[in-house]
Amino acid sequence: MVGNGVVENLDVLRAVGWLAAVLLVLGNMYTPYKWLRRIIGLVENKSLLGQLSFVQRVLLDMHCYGNLGAAMLSAVHTYFLNLRSPHSDLLAWSALALMIWLSLSGIIIRSKYFPSSSKKASRLVHAQYVLAVLLVVTLAAHILTIGEFEGFDE
């Protein structure tokens, strides 16, 4: 795969990275929506409550599948960029590790094959906002330093 131009085509690798970023943003619209629902409080109107619950379920599915897709695309992006430029971009690898960690804990939470004790531990790990902030910081730093790593001046 290295010799057929996929790795040499930097634009494709960048597009995969940006697509992963878009999926990550869309996938995480669930959290602010959930916060907003808590702030608004109880809704008396049953029809509106049903609509809000439906939106929350759709956003939860987007959260699960969007973030899993973002993690997979990020893995492709990071791996093939590393093949192209053998130096290691520690920020990209750190962000990928966090994405995989959060994705795996999310899979455990949603899976019916794990015991409730595993799900409880995974939920505690998955819901740590420190990890989300750390992911955002490492991704932002990766994007801001990308010219240094990928050579925009080529």
Protein backbone atom coordinates (compact mmCIF):
# COMPACT_ATOMS: atom_id res chain seq x y z
CA MET A 1 0.00 0.00 0.00
CA VAL A 2 2.96 2.27 0.56
CA GLY A 3 4.12 1.99 -3.03
CA ASN A 4 0.80 2.68 -4.77
CA GLY A 5 0.52 6.35 -3.93
CA VAL A 6 -1.90 6.24 -0.99
CA VAL A 7 0.74 7.16 1.54
CA GLU A 8 2.44 9.59 -0.81
CA ASN A 9 -0.81 11.50 -1.34
CA LEU A 10 -0.71 13.92 1.56
CA ASP A 11 -4.02 15.52 0.57
CA VAL A 12 -5.88 12.22 1.03
CA LEU A 13 -4.29 11.70 4.44
CA ARG A 14 -5.19 15.24 5.49
CA ALA A 15 -8.76 14.76 4.25
CA VAL A 16 -9.05 11.58 6.31
CA GLY A 17 -7.82 13.51 9.36
CA TRP A 18 -10.30 16.34 8.82
CA LEU A 19 -13.14 13.87 8.24
CA ALA A 20 -12.23 12.25 11.55
CA ALA A 21 -12.34 15.69 13.19
CA VAL A 22 -15.80 16.40 11.72
CA LEU A 23 -17.09 13.03 12.94
CA LEU A 24 -15.64 13.77 16.37
CA VAL A 25 -17.42 17.13 16.57
CA LEU A 26 -20.74 15.72 15.31
CA GLY A 27 -20.43 12.69 17.56
CA ASN A 28 -19.98 14.84 20.61
CA MET A 29 -23.06 17.02 20.14
CA TYR A 30 -24.72 14.55 22.53
CA THR A 31 -22.96 15.91 25.61
CA PRO A 32 -24.02 19.59 25.34
CA TYR A 33 -27.55 18.46 24.46
CA LYS A 34 -27.63 16.28 27.58
CA TRP A 35 -26.40 19.24 29.67
CA LEU A 36 -29.04 21.49 28.12
CA ARG A 37 -31.76 18.98 28.96
CA ARG A 38 -30.61 18.99 32.62
CA ILE A 39 -30.60 22.79 32.74
CA ILE A 40 -34.09 23.02 31.25
CA GLY A 41 -35.33 20.49 33.78
CA LEU A 42 -38.53 18.53 33.65
CA VAL A 43 -40.83 19.14 30.73
CA GLU A 44 -44.54 18.95 31.45
CA ASN A 45 -45.68 18.56 27.85
CA LYS A 46 -45.57 14.81 27.09
CA SER A 47 -45.37 15.36 23.34
CA LEU A 48 -42.39 17.69 23.71
CA LEU A 49 -40.79 15.32 26.22
CA GLY A 50 -41.10 12.48 23.69
CA GLN A 51 -39.55 14.60 20.96
CA LEU A 52 -36.66 15.66 23.22
CA SER A 53 -36.07 12.04 24.22
CA PHE A 54 -36.08 10.97 20.57
CA VAL A 55 -33.49 13.61 19.71
CA GLN A 56 -31.36 12.48 22.65
CA ARG A 57 -31.49 8.83 21.48
CA VAL A 58 -30.48 9.88 17.94
CA LEU A 59 -27.63 11.98 19.33
CA LEU A 60 -26.51 9.07 21.52
CA ASP A 61 -26.33 6.82 18.44
CA MET A 62 -24.39 9.58 16.62
CA HIS A 63 -22.13 9.80 19.68
CA CYS A 64 -21.38 6.09 19.63
CA TYR A 65 -20.98 5.49 15.91
CA GLY A 66 -19.53 8.91 15.04
CA ASN A 67 -16.80 8.71 17.66
CA LEU A 68 -16.02 5.10 16.78
CA GLY A 69 -15.71 6.13 13.13
CA ALA A 70 -13.56 9.10 14.13
CA ALA A 71 -11.25 6.80 16.09
CA MET A 72 -10.92 4.43 13.12
CA LEU A 73 -10.25 7.25 10.65
CA SER A 74 -7.76 8.79 13.08
CA ALA A 75 -5.95 5.47 13.30
CA VAL A 76 -5.67 5.34 9.49
CA HIS A 77 -4.59 9.00 9.37
CA THR A 78 -1.97 8.63 12.10
CA TYR A 79 -0.59 5.29 10.91
CA PHE A 80 -0.18 6.26 7.26
CA LEU A 81 1.26 9.68 8.08
CA ASN A 82 3.77 7.93 10.29
CA LEU A 83 4.71 5.66 7.35
CA ARG A 84 5.13 8.74 5.15
CA SER A 85 7.27 10.56 7.68
CA PRO A 86 9.01 8.10 9.99
CA HIS A 87 9.33 10.62 12.81
CA SER A 88 6.73 10.22 15.49
CA ASP A 89 4.10 12.90 16.06
CA LEU A 90 3.58 12.38 19.77
CA LEU A 91 0.51 14.62 19.81
CA ALA A 92 -1.26 12.58 17.13
CA TRP A 93 -0.41 9.27 18.79
CA SER A 94 -1.52 10.61 22.19
CA ALA A 95 -4.83 11.82 20.77
CA LEU A 96 -5.33 8.47 19.03
CA ALA A 97 -4.64 6.59 22.27
CA LEU A 98 -7.22 8.72 24.10
CA MET A 99 -9.77 8.19 21.33
CA ILE A 100 -9.25 4.43 21.43
CA TRP A 101 -9.43 4.39 25.23
CA LEU A 102 -12.70 6.34 25.23
CA SER A 103 -14.11 4.26 22.36
CA LEU A 104 -13.33 0.98 24.08
CA SER A 105 -14.90 2.13 27.33
CA GLY A 106 -17.96 3.27 25.36
CA ILE A 107 -18.21 -0.11 23.64
CA ILE A 108 -18.12 -1.84 27.02
CA ILE A 109 -20.88 0.45 28.32
CA ARG A 110 -23.16 -0.27 25.35
CA SER A 111 -22.39 -3.98 25.00
CA LYS A 112 -24.65 -6.64 26.49
CA TYR A 113 -21.74 -9.08 26.79
CA PHE A 114 -19.98 -7.41 29.71
CA PRO A 115 -21.03 -7.73 33.37
CA SER A 116 -22.52 -4.71 35.12
CA SER A 117 -19.37 -4.26 37.22
CA SER A 118 -17.32 -3.78 34.04
CA LYS A 119 -19.91 -1.39 32.67
CA LYS A 120 -19.86 0.64 35.88
CA ALA A 121 -16.07 0.92 35.83
CA SER A 122 -16.12 1.81 32.13
CA ARG A 123 -18.77 4.47 32.71
CA LEU A 124 -16.57 6.06 35.39
CA VAL A 125 -13.63 6.15 32.97
CA HIS A 126 -15.70 7.24 29.97
CA ALA A 127 -17.44 10.11 31.76
CA GLN A 128 -14.24 11.78 32.95
CA TYR A 129 -14.29 15.21 31.39
CA VAL A 130 -10.56 15.50 32.06
CA LEU A 131 -9.99 12.89 29.33
CA ALA A 132 -12.23 14.79 26.91
CA VAL A 133 -10.42 18.06 27.64
CA LEU A 134 -7.06 16.31 27.26
CA LEU A 135 -8.22 14.91 23.90
CA VAL A 136 -9.30 18.35 22.69
CA VAL A 137 -6.02 19.91 23.84
CA THR A 138 -3.86 17.26 22.15
CA LEU A 139 -5.87 17.46 18.93
CA ALA A 140 -5.73 21.27 18.93
CA ALA A 141 -1.97 21.17 19.53
CA HIS A 142 -1.59 18.60 16.75
CA ILE A 143 -3.54 20.79 14.32
CA LEU A 144 -1.64 23.94 15.33
CA THR A 145 1.74 22.26 14.89
CA ILE A 146 0.79 20.30 11.78
CA GLY A 147 2.90 22.45 9.45
CA GLU A 148 5.94 21.52 11.46
CA PHE A 149 5.14 17.79 11.19
CA GLU A 150 3.68 17.48 7.70
CA GLY A 151 5.63 20.13 5.83
CA PHE A 152 3.00 22.49 4.44
CA ASP A 153 5.79 24.25 2.59
CA GLU A 154 6.28 21.27 0.22
